[in-house]
Amino acid sequence: MIHDIPKPDISPDFTIEDIHKIRIWEYERLKDATREERIEDVGKRAAEAFAQIEVLRVSAHAVNISSTNITCKESKFV
């Protein structure tokens, strides 16, 4: 049984405490789940992630941005 527990609040800076919150949340959600339920949950969430990636890929293509043209200096994460 997968428990319906609200997602934890994550800070904009994404700290180590946020990682702990996510791990605890994930444990509490799945602690009573069967193997089949876990596999189904992972598959569903993976499909959602792939759909989001595809939306981003299409929108990047629409503005003529190629992923090969992005360098570390242009990245907002540097």
C-alpha atoms as a PDB file:
ATOM      1  CA  MET A   1       0.000   0.000   0.000  1.00  0.00           C
ATOM      2  CA  ILE A   2       1.409   3.363  -1.046  1.00  0.00           C
ATOM      3  CA  HIS A   3       0.534   6.073   1.446  1.00  0.00           C
ATOM      4  CA  ASP A   4      -0.783   9.408   0.189  1.00  0.00           C
ATOM      5  CA  ILE A   5       1.525  11.765   2.069  1.00  0.00           C
ATOM      6  CA  PRO A   6       1.936  15.389   0.952  1.00  0.00           C
ATOM      7  CA  LYS A   7       5.300  16.250  -0.586  1.00  0.00           C
ATOM      8  CA  PRO A   8       7.710  18.046   1.755  1.00  0.00           C
ATOM      9  CA  ASP A   9       8.412  21.754   1.389  1.00  0.00           C
ATOM     10  CA  ILE A  10      11.742  22.223  -0.361  1.00  0.00           C
ATOM     11  CA  SER A  11      13.761  25.411   0.080  1.00  0.00           C
ATOM     12  CA  PRO A  12      14.772  27.420  -3.001  1.00  0.00           C
ATOM     13  CA  ASP A  13      18.443  26.786  -2.143  1.00  0.00           C
ATOM     14  CA  PHE A  14      17.980  22.967  -1.996  1.00  0.00           C
ATOM     15  CA  THR A  15      19.979  22.114   1.117  1.00  0.00           C
ATOM     16  CA  ILE A  16      21.041  18.830   2.688  1.00  0.00           C
ATOM     17  CA  GLU A  17      18.011  19.125   4.980  1.00  0.00           C
ATOM     18  CA  ASP A  18      15.826  19.047   1.876  1.00  0.00           C
ATOM     19  CA  ILE A  19      17.458  15.785   0.818  1.00  0.00           C
ATOM     20  CA  HIS A  20      16.683  14.326   4.239  1.00  0.00           C
ATOM     21  CA  LYS A  21      13.054  15.497   3.968  1.00  0.00           C
ATOM     22  CA  ILE A  22      12.715  13.834   0.565  1.00  0.00           C
ATOM     23  CA  ARG A  23      14.244  10.571   1.781  1.00  0.00           C
ATOM     24  CA  ILE A  24      11.957  10.453   4.821  1.00  0.00           C
ATOM     25  CA  TRP A  25       8.928  11.295   2.663  1.00  0.00           C
ATOM     26  CA  GLU A  26       9.807   8.567   0.168  1.00  0.00           C
ATOM     27  CA  TYR A  27      10.320   6.018   2.958  1.00  0.00           C
ATOM     28  CA  GLU A  28       6.998   6.860   4.618  1.00  0.00           C
ATOM     29  CA  ARG A  29       5.155   6.647   1.279  1.00  0.00           C
ATOM     30  CA  LEU A  30       6.524   3.256   0.343  1.00  0.00           C
ATOM     31  CA  LYS A  31       7.194   1.501   3.653  1.00  0.00           C
ATOM     32  CA  ASP A  32       4.123  -0.762   3.345  1.00  0.00           C
ATOM     33  CA  ALA A  33       4.172  -1.124  -0.459  1.00  0.00           C
ATOM     34  CA  THR A  34       4.610  -4.473  -2.139  1.00  0.00           C
ATOM     35  CA  ARG A  35       7.327  -5.027  -4.730  1.00  0.00           C
ATOM     36  CA  GLU A  36       4.741  -4.790  -7.524  1.00  0.00           C
ATOM     37  CA  GLU A  37       3.404  -1.486  -6.150  1.00  0.00           C
ATOM     38  CA  ARG A  38       6.928  -0.056  -5.967  1.00  0.00           C
ATOM     39  CA  ILE A  39       7.662  -1.096  -9.544  1.00  0.00           C
ATOM     40  CA  GLU A  40       4.378   0.424 -10.743  1.00  0.00           C
ATOM     41  CA  ASP A  41       5.082   3.656  -8.817  1.00  0.00           C
ATOM     42  CA  VAL A  42       8.585   4.003 -10.269  1.00  0.00           C
ATOM     43  CA  GLY A  43       7.292   3.317 -13.789  1.00  0.00           C
ATOM     44  CA  LYS A  44       4.554   5.928 -13.442  1.00  0.00           C
ATOM     45  CA  ARG A  45       6.932   8.563 -12.093  1.00  0.00           C
ATOM     46  CA  ALA A  46       9.517   7.771 -14.778  1.00  0.00           C
ATOM     47  CA  ALA A  47       6.891   8.224 -17.494  1.00  0.00           C
ATOM     48  CA  GLU A  48       5.975  11.620 -16.012  1.00  0.00           C
ATOM     49  CA  ALA A  49       9.649  12.639 -15.942  1.00  0.00           C
ATOM     50  CA  PHE A  50      10.189  11.565 -19.561  1.00  0.00           C
ATOM     51  CA  ALA A  51       7.097  13.551 -20.591  1.00  0.00           C
ATOM     52  CA  GLN A  52       8.493  16.663 -18.881  1.00  0.00           C
ATOM     53  CA  ILE A  53      11.855  16.161 -20.578  1.00  0.00           C
ATOM     54  CA  GLU A  54      10.156  15.863 -23.961  1.00  0.00           C
ATOM     55  CA  VAL A  55       8.213  19.096 -23.377  1.00  0.00           C
ATOM     56  CA  LEU A  56      11.469  20.881 -22.555  1.00  0.00           C
ATOM     57  CA  ARG A  57      13.186  19.350 -25.590  1.00  0.00           C
ATOM     58  CA  VAL A  58      10.385  20.483 -27.918  1.00  0.00           C
ATOM     59  CA  SER A  59      10.319  23.998 -26.457  1.00  0.00           C
ATOM     60  CA  ALA A  60      14.106  24.278 -26.786  1.00  0.00           C
ATOM     61  CA  HIS A  61      13.880  23.152 -30.384  1.00  0.00           C
ATOM     62  CA  ALA A  62      11.126  25.692 -31.066  1.00  0.00           C
ATOM     63  CA  VAL A  63      13.464  28.572 -30.196  1.00  0.00           C
ATOM     64  CA  ASN A  64      16.328  27.011 -32.171  1.00  0.00           C
ATOM     65  CA  ILE A  65      18.462  26.123 -29.176  1.00  0.00           C
ATOM     66  CA  SER A  66      20.526  23.017 -29.642  1.00  0.00           C
ATOM     67  CA  SER A  67      21.689  21.157 -26.556  1.00  0.00           C
ATOM     68  CA  THR A  68      25.131  20.852 -28.185  1.00  0.00           C
ATOM     69  CA  ASN A  69      25.517  24.648 -28.227  1.00  0.00           C
ATOM     70  CA  ILE A  70      25.258  25.039 -24.452  1.00  0.00           C
ATOM     71  CA  THR A  71      28.537  25.386 -22.599  1.00  0.00           C
ATOM     72  CA  CYS A  72      29.284  25.478 -18.879  1.00  0.00           C
ATOM     73  CA  LYS A  73      29.794  29.244 -18.976  1.00  0.00           C
ATOM     74  CA  GLU A  74      26.295  29.711 -20.396  1.00  0.00           C
ATOM     75  CA  SER A  75      24.714  27.460 -17.806  1.00  0.00           C
ATOM     76  CA  LYS A  76      22.790  29.069 -14.980  1.00  0.00           C
ATOM     77  CA  PHE A  77      24.228  26.460 -12.587  1.00  0.00           C
ATOM     78  CA  VAL A  78      27.786  27.783 -12.748  1.00  0.00           C
END
